[in-house]
Amino acid sequence: MVEERTRRAARKRKPKPRLKYLILGLCALLAVAGALILFLPRKPDLAESNVALPFSAGDSFAVCDTGIAYHKDGAVHVLNASGDELWYADFAGDDVKLALSPSLAAAYTPSMLKVYDMKGKALFQREFLGTISAVSCSETLVCVCRRTPQGSDMTVIDASGADVNTIDMGAQNAVAFGVDDALKMIWILTLDTSAGTPVSRISTYTGGSTISGLITVDTHLVKGALFTPDEVYALGSTHVMCYDYKGAMASSQLVYGWNIHDVKMGASGKPLIVLTPPLKEGANAFEYPMARLISYGMSESLLYLPPQCFHVLLGNDRIYCFTPGTVYVYNLEGRQDESYPLGITIDRVGPVCGTRVLAFSGQDCYLVSLP
C-alpha cells in the first residue's frame, strides 16, 4: 500500500510535457542571447583608444597618412600612425618647420633644409639663399618654395639631393603646391596680385621644366585644387570649377556664402565637398547647425549637425561631425547613424593619420580613433 502511494506521488510530481518544452525553449533563448553578447561586435569605446602625444599644439609638427613628425627640444621625432616613436634626430634651430610623406621627412629653417628617410637616415642637406617659405614631400620628391628679392621660385629635388626642376614664379605667391605621385605630376597654385585684379593660376608639370597644364582664374580667389588624369577642379571662394589641362572650363558649382570645409575625390571620380556656415563670433561652433554635402555635378544633400558642432570630416564611406565631447557619424546620404563619446574635451581637430585623427584640448594633443 505504501509503495502504491509513493508511485502515485511520483506520477503527480512528473512535469507536464508542455512545461518541459517551455523551460527548454527559455534555456535555448538565453544561450543564444549570451552568444550574441559574446560574439557580436561591441560599439567601440573611443576613450579607451585615445593616445596622448608627446608634443603640444605650439610645437612644429606635420602629419601624413602613415605617421607624424614633430620638433621639440632640438630634435626631430617621427611617430607611426599609432603614436609610437620610430626614430629621432638632432636638429637645432629656433624657427624649425616640418614636412612629411610616407617615405620622406623634411626639417627646415628659413635658410636650410635637411631630408631623412623613414629609418632616420639623413639623405641630404642644403643651404638656400633668400628665405624658404614652405616645403612639401611626396614619395620620392621634395618641393621647396623660396622667396628672394628678385621674386619667388620652387625647386624640386629628388631623394638623392639632385635638382629635378626649378619653377620661376616671379611676383606670384605660392598658395599650395605638391607632387601627385599617382599622376606623376608636379603642380603649383599661385596668386598674382601685381595687377589691379588678383589672378590665380594652377600650373602642372609632368616632365622636366615643361609646363603640361595651365588654368587661369581672374574672377575670384582659388584656395586649392584636385586632380584627375583628365580634369582639374579649382576650389574657389564662390565656385568650384572643372577645367581640362588646357585651361578650358567645362562646368562649375556655386558655393558662395559657404566655406569649403573638407573635400576629397569620391567613388564616382568626382569631388565630394562639405560646405559649412561660418563659426559663431566668439564661440567654437557653427552659426547654424546645417551643412551641405555635394557630389560634384551629381547630387546634393543637407546635413543636420549636432549642437555645438565645430568640425566636419569626410571619411571614405562616412562623415564625422565633432563637438567638444562627442563624434557623430553620418552616412553619405546625410543620415546620422551613431554617436561616440570621446572621453576628452576637444576644441580643435587636425589632419587624419591612418585610422585616427589629431585632436587638441587646449595645448594637449591626442590621436583619436575614427569609428
Protein backbone atom coordinates (compact mmCIF):
# COMPACT_ATOMS: atom_id res chain seq x y z
CA MET A 1 0.00 0.00 0.00
CA VAL A 2 2.81 2.39 0.91
CA GLU A 3 4.65 1.60 -2.32
CA GLU A 4 1.47 2.28 -4.34
CA ARG A 5 1.05 5.75 -2.73
CA THR A 6 4.73 6.55 -3.47
CA ARG A 7 4.31 5.66 -7.15
CA ARG A 8 1.17 7.79 -7.34
CA ALA A 9 3.01 10.80 -5.76
CA ALA A 10 5.89 10.43 -8.21
CA ARG A 11 3.47 10.41 -11.12
CA LYS A 12 1.86 13.59 -9.74
CA ARG A 13 5.29 15.33 -9.48
CA LYS A 14 6.31 14.39 -13.05
CA PRO A 15 6.42 17.66 -15.07
CA LYS A 16 3.92 18.15 -17.84
CA PRO A 17 5.39 17.91 -21.37
CA ARG A 18 4.25 21.44 -22.28
CA LEU A 19 6.02 22.97 -19.25
CA LYS A 20 9.16 20.95 -20.02
CA TYR A 21 9.31 22.26 -23.59
CA LEU A 22 8.75 25.81 -22.34
CA ILE A 23 11.69 25.53 -19.95
CA LEU A 24 13.90 24.05 -22.67
CA GLY A 25 12.93 26.85 -25.09
CA LEU A 26 13.71 29.51 -22.49
CA CYS A 27 17.12 27.98 -21.85
CA ALA A 28 17.83 27.96 -25.61
CA LEU A 29 16.87 31.63 -25.90
CA LEU A 30 19.15 32.52 -23.01
CA ALA A 31 22.02 30.60 -24.64
CA VAL A 32 21.53 32.44 -27.96
CA ALA A 33 21.38 35.83 -26.19
CA GLY A 34 24.59 35.03 -24.34
CA ALA A 35 26.32 34.05 -27.58
CA LEU A 36 25.20 37.28 -29.25
CA ILE A 37 26.56 39.32 -26.37
CA LEU A 38 29.86 37.49 -26.55
CA PHE A 39 30.41 37.42 -30.29
CA LEU A 40 28.64 40.41 -31.82
CA PRO A 41 30.93 43.44 -32.28
CA ARG A 42 30.77 45.95 -29.45
CA LYS A 43 30.36 49.66 -30.03
CA PRO A 44 33.94 50.96 -29.77
CA ASP A 45 34.86 52.95 -26.67
CA LEU A 46 36.95 55.80 -28.07
CA ALA A 47 38.08 56.88 -24.62
CA GLU A 48 39.97 53.58 -24.27
CA SER A 49 41.90 54.13 -27.52
CA ASN A 50 42.89 57.80 -27.18
CA VAL A 51 46.66 58.30 -27.43
CA ALA A 52 48.23 61.29 -25.67
CA LEU A 53 51.01 62.61 -27.92
CA PRO A 54 54.37 63.89 -26.62
CA PHE A 55 54.11 67.36 -28.16
CA SER A 56 51.81 70.34 -27.77
CA ALA A 57 49.76 72.47 -30.14
CA GLY A 58 52.50 75.12 -30.06
CA ASP A 59 55.23 72.78 -31.34
CA SER A 60 56.00 72.39 -35.04
CA PHE A 61 54.50 69.20 -36.46
CA ALA A 62 53.48 67.58 -39.75
CA VAL A 63 51.11 64.70 -40.48
CA CYS A 64 50.69 62.19 -43.29
CA ASP A 65 48.58 59.05 -43.61
CA THR A 66 51.25 56.82 -42.07
CA GLY A 67 52.67 58.95 -39.26
CA ILE A 68 53.54 62.20 -37.52
CA ALA A 69 56.72 64.28 -37.28
CA TYR A 70 57.31 66.89 -34.60
CA HIS A 71 60.17 69.12 -33.45
CA LYS A 72 60.82 69.59 -29.76
CA ASP A 73 63.85 70.34 -27.57
CA GLY A 74 66.28 70.48 -30.50
CA ALA A 75 65.27 67.20 -32.16
CA VAL A 76 63.02 65.89 -34.92
CA HIS A 77 60.86 62.95 -33.83
CA VAL A 78 58.84 60.69 -36.14
CA LEU A 79 55.93 58.56 -34.87
CA ASN A 80 53.89 55.89 -36.62
CA ALA A 81 50.11 56.18 -37.06
CA SER A 82 49.59 54.61 -33.62
CA GLY A 83 51.72 57.24 -31.89
CA ASP A 84 54.77 55.03 -31.28
CA GLU A 85 58.17 56.64 -31.88
CA LEU A 86 60.09 55.30 -34.89
CA TRP A 87 63.20 57.47 -34.65
CA TYR A 88 64.55 60.88 -33.71
CA ALA A 89 67.46 63.03 -34.90
CA ASP A 90 69.11 66.14 -33.52
CA PHE A 91 68.11 69.29 -35.38
CA ALA A 92 68.84 72.60 -33.70
CA GLY A 93 67.09 75.83 -34.59
CA ASP A 94 64.53 78.35 -33.37
CA ASP A 95 62.22 78.53 -36.39
CA VAL A 96 62.04 74.88 -37.45
CA LYS A 97 59.21 73.61 -39.65
CA LEU A 98 58.48 70.14 -40.98
CA ALA A 99 57.07 68.29 -43.99
CA LEU A 100 56.26 64.58 -44.12
CA SER A 101 55.26 61.83 -46.55
CA PRO A 102 55.13 58.03 -46.09
CA SER A 103 58.77 57.77 -47.25
CA LEU A 104 60.43 61.16 -46.60
CA ALA A 105 60.67 63.64 -43.72
CA ALA A 106 61.99 67.19 -44.13
CA ALA A 107 63.05 69.65 -41.45
CA TYR A 108 63.87 73.20 -42.45
CA THR A 109 64.66 76.69 -41.21
CA PRO A 110 64.36 79.87 -43.29
CA SER A 111 67.76 79.13 -44.84
CA MET A 112 68.46 75.37 -44.56
CA LEU A 113 66.77 72.07 -45.48
CA LYS A 114 67.56 68.56 -44.25
CA VAL A 115 65.79 65.44 -45.56
CA TYR A 116 65.57 61.98 -43.92
CA ASP A 117 64.24 58.58 -44.93
CA MET A 118 61.78 56.67 -42.74
CA LYS A 119 64.57 54.94 -40.84
CA GLY A 120 66.00 58.28 -39.70
CA LYS A 121 68.94 58.27 -42.10
CA ALA A 122 69.88 61.77 -43.31
CA LEU A 123 69.68 61.75 -47.13
CA PHE A 124 70.92 65.27 -47.86
CA GLN A 125 71.22 68.78 -46.50
CA ARG A 126 71.18 72.04 -48.43
CA GLU A 127 71.58 75.75 -47.74
CA PHE A 128 69.37 78.22 -49.65
CA LEU A 129 69.78 81.90 -50.45
CA GLY A 130 66.71 84.00 -49.73
CA THR A 131 64.01 82.59 -47.44
CA ILE A 132 62.41 79.13 -47.51
CA SER A 133 58.68 79.80 -47.19
CA ALA A 134 57.27 76.26 -47.43
CA VAL A 135 58.26 72.64 -48.19
CA SER A 136 56.23 69.65 -49.38
CA CYS A 137 57.29 65.98 -49.56
CA SER A 138 55.99 63.22 -51.84
CA GLU A 139 57.06 59.59 -52.03
CA THR A 140 60.23 60.45 -53.98
CA LEU A 141 60.48 64.25 -54.30
CA VAL A 142 60.81 67.35 -52.14
CA CYS A 143 59.40 70.72 -53.29
CA VAL A 144 60.94 73.85 -51.79
CA CYS A 145 59.31 77.27 -52.22
CA ARG A 146 61.69 80.20 -51.74
CA ARG A 147 61.41 83.99 -51.69
CA THR A 148 64.25 86.25 -52.83
CA PRO A 149 64.48 89.98 -53.53
CA GLN A 150 64.00 89.13 -57.22
CA GLY A 151 60.79 87.14 -56.66
CA SER A 152 59.75 83.58 -55.81
CA ASP A 153 60.63 80.14 -57.15
CA MET A 154 60.10 76.47 -56.40
CA THR A 155 62.93 73.92 -56.52
CA VAL A 156 62.07 70.24 -56.90
CA ILE A 157 64.69 67.83 -55.51
CA ASP A 158 64.86 64.03 -55.56
CA ALA A 159 65.80 61.82 -52.61
CA SER A 160 69.49 61.91 -53.53
CA GLY A 161 69.58 65.70 -53.35
CA ALA A 162 69.71 66.26 -57.13
CA ASP A 163 67.63 69.02 -58.73
CA VAL A 164 64.69 67.81 -60.85
CA ASN A 165 63.06 71.12 -61.71
CA THR A 166 63.14 74.84 -60.89
CA ILE A 167 59.98 76.84 -61.46
CA ASP A 168 60.26 80.63 -61.57
CA MET A 169 57.12 82.23 -60.10
CA GLY A 170 58.28 85.85 -60.43
CA ALA A 171 55.99 88.15 -58.45
CA GLN A 172 53.43 85.40 -57.82
CA ASN A 173 52.95 83.87 -54.37
CA ALA A 174 52.57 80.12 -53.86
CA VAL A 175 49.20 79.28 -52.27
CA ALA A 176 49.55 75.49 -52.45
CA PHE A 177 51.83 73.03 -54.24
CA GLY A 178 52.97 69.44 -54.30
CA VAL A 179 53.52 66.25 -56.25
CA ASP A 180 50.76 63.87 -57.31
CA ASP A 181 52.57 60.53 -57.24
CA ALA A 182 49.71 58.65 -58.94
CA LEU A 183 49.67 61.08 -61.89
CA LYS A 184 53.50 61.60 -61.81
CA MET A 185 52.86 65.32 -61.86
CA ILE A 186 54.18 68.40 -60.09
CA TRP A 187 51.61 71.13 -59.50
CA ILE A 188 51.55 74.63 -58.07
CA LEU A 189 48.74 77.08 -57.30
CA THR A 190 49.85 80.72 -57.31
CA LEU A 191 48.24 84.10 -56.68
CA ASP A 192 49.37 87.13 -58.68
CA THR A 193 48.48 90.48 -57.08
CA SER A 194 50.77 92.64 -59.20
CA ALA A 195 47.90 93.83 -61.41
CA GLY A 196 44.69 95.56 -60.35
CA THR A 197 42.73 92.26 -60.31
CA PRO A 198 44.13 89.25 -58.39
CA VAL A 199 44.80 86.28 -60.68
CA SER A 200 45.00 82.63 -59.55
CA ARG A 201 46.96 80.16 -61.69
CA ILE A 202 47.24 76.38 -61.47
CA SER A 203 50.31 75.08 -63.32
CA THR A 204 51.20 71.42 -63.82
CA TYR A 205 54.47 69.79 -64.94
CA THR A 206 54.82 66.16 -66.00
CA GLY A 207 58.47 66.10 -67.04
CA GLY A 208 61.39 68.46 -66.55
CA SER A 209 60.51 72.15 -66.58
CA THR A 210 57.99 71.93 -69.45
CA ILE A 211 54.52 73.05 -68.39
CA SER A 212 51.80 70.48 -69.17
CA GLY A 213 48.73 72.35 -67.95
CA LEU A 214 47.74 75.92 -67.12
CA ILE A 215 44.46 77.15 -65.64
CA THR A 216 43.95 80.88 -65.08
CA VAL A 217 41.14 82.25 -62.89
CA ASP A 218 40.68 86.01 -62.60
CA THR A 219 37.09 86.13 -61.35
CA HIS A 220 37.74 85.10 -57.76
CA LEU A 221 40.38 83.58 -55.49
CA VAL A 222 41.28 79.88 -55.73
CA LYS A 223 42.25 78.22 -52.45
CA GLY A 224 43.04 74.66 -53.54
CA ALA A 225 42.85 72.10 -56.33
CA LEU A 226 42.03 68.43 -57.03
CA PHE A 227 43.39 66.47 -59.99
CA THR A 228 42.30 63.52 -62.14
CA PRO A 229 44.01 62.27 -65.31
CA ASP A 230 41.76 64.48 -67.46
CA GLU A 231 40.36 67.19 -65.18
CA VAL A 232 41.43 69.85 -62.70
CA TYR A 233 38.98 71.06 -60.05
CA ALA A 234 39.70 74.58 -58.79
CA LEU A 235 38.32 75.24 -55.29
CA GLY A 236 37.31 78.89 -55.44
CA SER A 237 35.82 81.35 -52.97
CA THR A 238 32.45 81.41 -54.79
CA HIS A 239 32.55 78.42 -57.16
CA VAL A 240 34.17 75.02 -57.60
CA MET A 241 35.17 74.84 -61.26
CA CYS A 242 36.11 71.93 -63.53
CA TYR A 243 38.77 72.54 -66.22
CA ASP A 244 40.72 70.48 -68.69
CA TYR A 245 44.51 70.80 -68.63
CA LYS A 246 44.41 73.31 -71.50
CA GLY A 247 42.50 75.74 -69.27
CA ALA A 248 39.01 75.39 -70.77
CA MET A 249 36.25 75.37 -68.12
CA ALA A 250 33.75 72.54 -68.52
CA SER A 251 31.42 73.23 -65.57
CA SER A 252 31.10 74.97 -62.20
CA GLN A 253 29.27 74.59 -58.91
CA LEU A 254 28.13 77.58 -56.82
CA VAL A 255 29.40 77.57 -53.21
CA TYR A 256 29.03 81.30 -52.45
CA GLY A 257 28.16 82.07 -48.82
CA TRP A 258 29.54 78.77 -47.53
CA ASN A 259 33.02 77.58 -46.52
CA ILE A 260 34.62 74.60 -48.23
CA HIS A 261 35.30 72.69 -45.01
CA ASP A 262 36.55 69.41 -46.49
CA VAL A 263 36.85 67.89 -49.96
CA LYS A 264 38.08 64.62 -51.45
CA MET A 265 37.61 62.57 -54.59
CA GLY A 266 34.52 60.38 -54.25
CA ALA A 267 33.93 56.86 -55.51
CA SER A 268 32.26 58.36 -58.59
CA GLY A 269 35.53 60.03 -59.63
CA LYS A 270 34.02 63.45 -58.87
CA PRO A 271 34.78 65.65 -55.84
CA LEU A 272 32.79 65.14 -52.67
CA ILE A 273 32.52 68.50 -50.92
CA VAL A 274 31.34 69.51 -47.44
CA LEU A 275 30.22 73.14 -47.13
CA THR A 276 29.70 74.65 -43.68
CA PRO A 277 28.48 78.01 -42.36
CA PRO A 278 30.92 80.36 -40.59
CA LEU A 279 31.73 79.84 -36.93
CA LYS A 280 29.77 81.90 -34.42
CA GLU A 281 31.55 85.07 -33.37
CA GLY A 282 33.34 84.44 -30.10
CA ALA A 283 32.31 80.76 -29.99
CA ASN A 284 33.74 77.48 -31.30
CA ALA A 285 30.60 76.29 -33.10
CA PHE A 286 28.94 76.88 -36.45
CA GLU A 287 26.47 79.76 -36.75
CA TYR A 288 23.65 77.36 -37.53
CA PRO A 289 23.57 73.53 -37.35
CA MET A 290 23.48 72.70 -41.03
CA ALA A 291 25.99 71.73 -43.74
CA ARG A 292 25.75 70.92 -47.45
CA LEU A 293 27.16 67.69 -48.87
CA ILE A 294 27.77 67.97 -52.62
CA SER A 295 28.75 65.23 -55.02
CA TYR A 296 30.01 67.47 -57.81
CA GLY A 297 27.65 67.63 -60.77
CA MET A 298 25.52 64.77 -59.42
CA SER A 299 23.65 65.32 -56.14
CA GLU A 300 23.36 67.45 -53.02
CA SER A 301 22.00 66.74 -49.54
CA LEU A 302 21.76 68.58 -46.24
CA LEU A 303 23.48 67.51 -43.04
CA TYR A 304 21.64 68.49 -39.87
CA LEU A 305 24.53 68.92 -37.48
CA PRO A 306 24.51 68.19 -33.75
CA PRO A 307 24.52 71.11 -31.28
CA GLN A 308 27.97 72.67 -30.65
CA CYS A 309 29.42 71.07 -33.81
CA PHE A 310 32.61 72.82 -34.92
CA HIS A 311 34.29 70.42 -37.39
CA VAL A 312 33.15 68.10 -40.19
CA LEU A 313 35.46 65.47 -41.68
CA LEU A 314 34.95 63.32 -44.78
CA GLY A 315 35.84 59.64 -44.41
CA ASN A 316 35.87 57.00 -47.12
CA ASP A 317 32.24 55.98 -46.68
CA ARG A 318 31.03 58.18 -43.84
CA ILE A 319 31.13 61.69 -42.39
CA TYR A 320 32.38 62.62 -38.92
CA CYS A 321 30.90 65.63 -37.09
CA PHE A 322 32.80 66.73 -33.99
CA THR A 323 31.51 68.50 -30.89
CA PRO A 324 33.69 69.17 -27.80
CA GLY A 325 32.88 65.79 -26.25
CA THR A 326 31.39 63.56 -28.96
CA VAL A 327 31.90 62.49 -32.58
CA TYR A 328 28.73 61.83 -34.58
CA VAL A 329 28.86 59.52 -37.60
CA TYR A 330 26.70 60.15 -40.68
CA ASN A 331 26.35 58.15 -43.88
CA LEU A 332 26.95 59.73 -47.29
CA GLU A 333 23.21 60.33 -47.71
CA GLY A 334 23.34 62.72 -44.73
CA ARG A 335 21.64 60.47 -42.15
CA GLN A 336 23.09 60.23 -38.63
CA ASP A 337 23.96 56.61 -37.78
CA GLU A 338 25.72 56.68 -34.41
CA SER A 339 27.45 58.84 -31.79
CA TYR A 340 30.57 58.10 -29.75
CA PRO A 341 31.75 59.91 -26.59
CA LEU A 342 35.39 60.98 -26.95
CA GLY A 343 36.35 60.70 -23.29
CA ILE A 344 38.12 64.08 -23.55
CA THR A 345 37.01 67.64 -24.25
CA ILE A 346 38.46 68.98 -27.50
CA ASP A 347 38.44 72.39 -29.20
CA ARG A 348 40.19 71.66 -32.50
CA VAL A 349 40.56 68.74 -34.92
CA GLY A 350 43.66 68.36 -37.07
CA PRO A 351 44.70 66.17 -40.00
CA VAL A 352 43.85 62.49 -40.45
CA CYS A 353 46.59 59.97 -39.70
CA GLY A 354 45.68 56.45 -40.83
CA THR A 355 42.50 55.42 -38.99
CA ARG A 356 42.85 58.22 -36.44
CA VAL A 357 42.72 61.99 -36.37
CA LEU A 358 44.67 64.57 -34.40
CA ALA A 359 42.55 66.36 -31.80
CA PHE A 360 43.53 69.16 -29.45
CA SER A 361 42.37 70.01 -25.95
CA GLY A 362 43.97 73.37 -25.27
CA GLN A 363 47.68 72.71 -25.77
CA ASP A 364 47.37 68.94 -25.31
CA CYS A 365 47.37 66.79 -28.44
CA TYR A 366 45.77 63.37 -28.92
CA LEU A 367 45.25 60.71 -31.56
CA VAL A 368 41.55 59.85 -31.60
CA SER A 369 40.22 56.77 -33.41
CA LEU A 370 37.70 57.27 -36.21
CA PRO A 371 34.92 54.72 -35.63
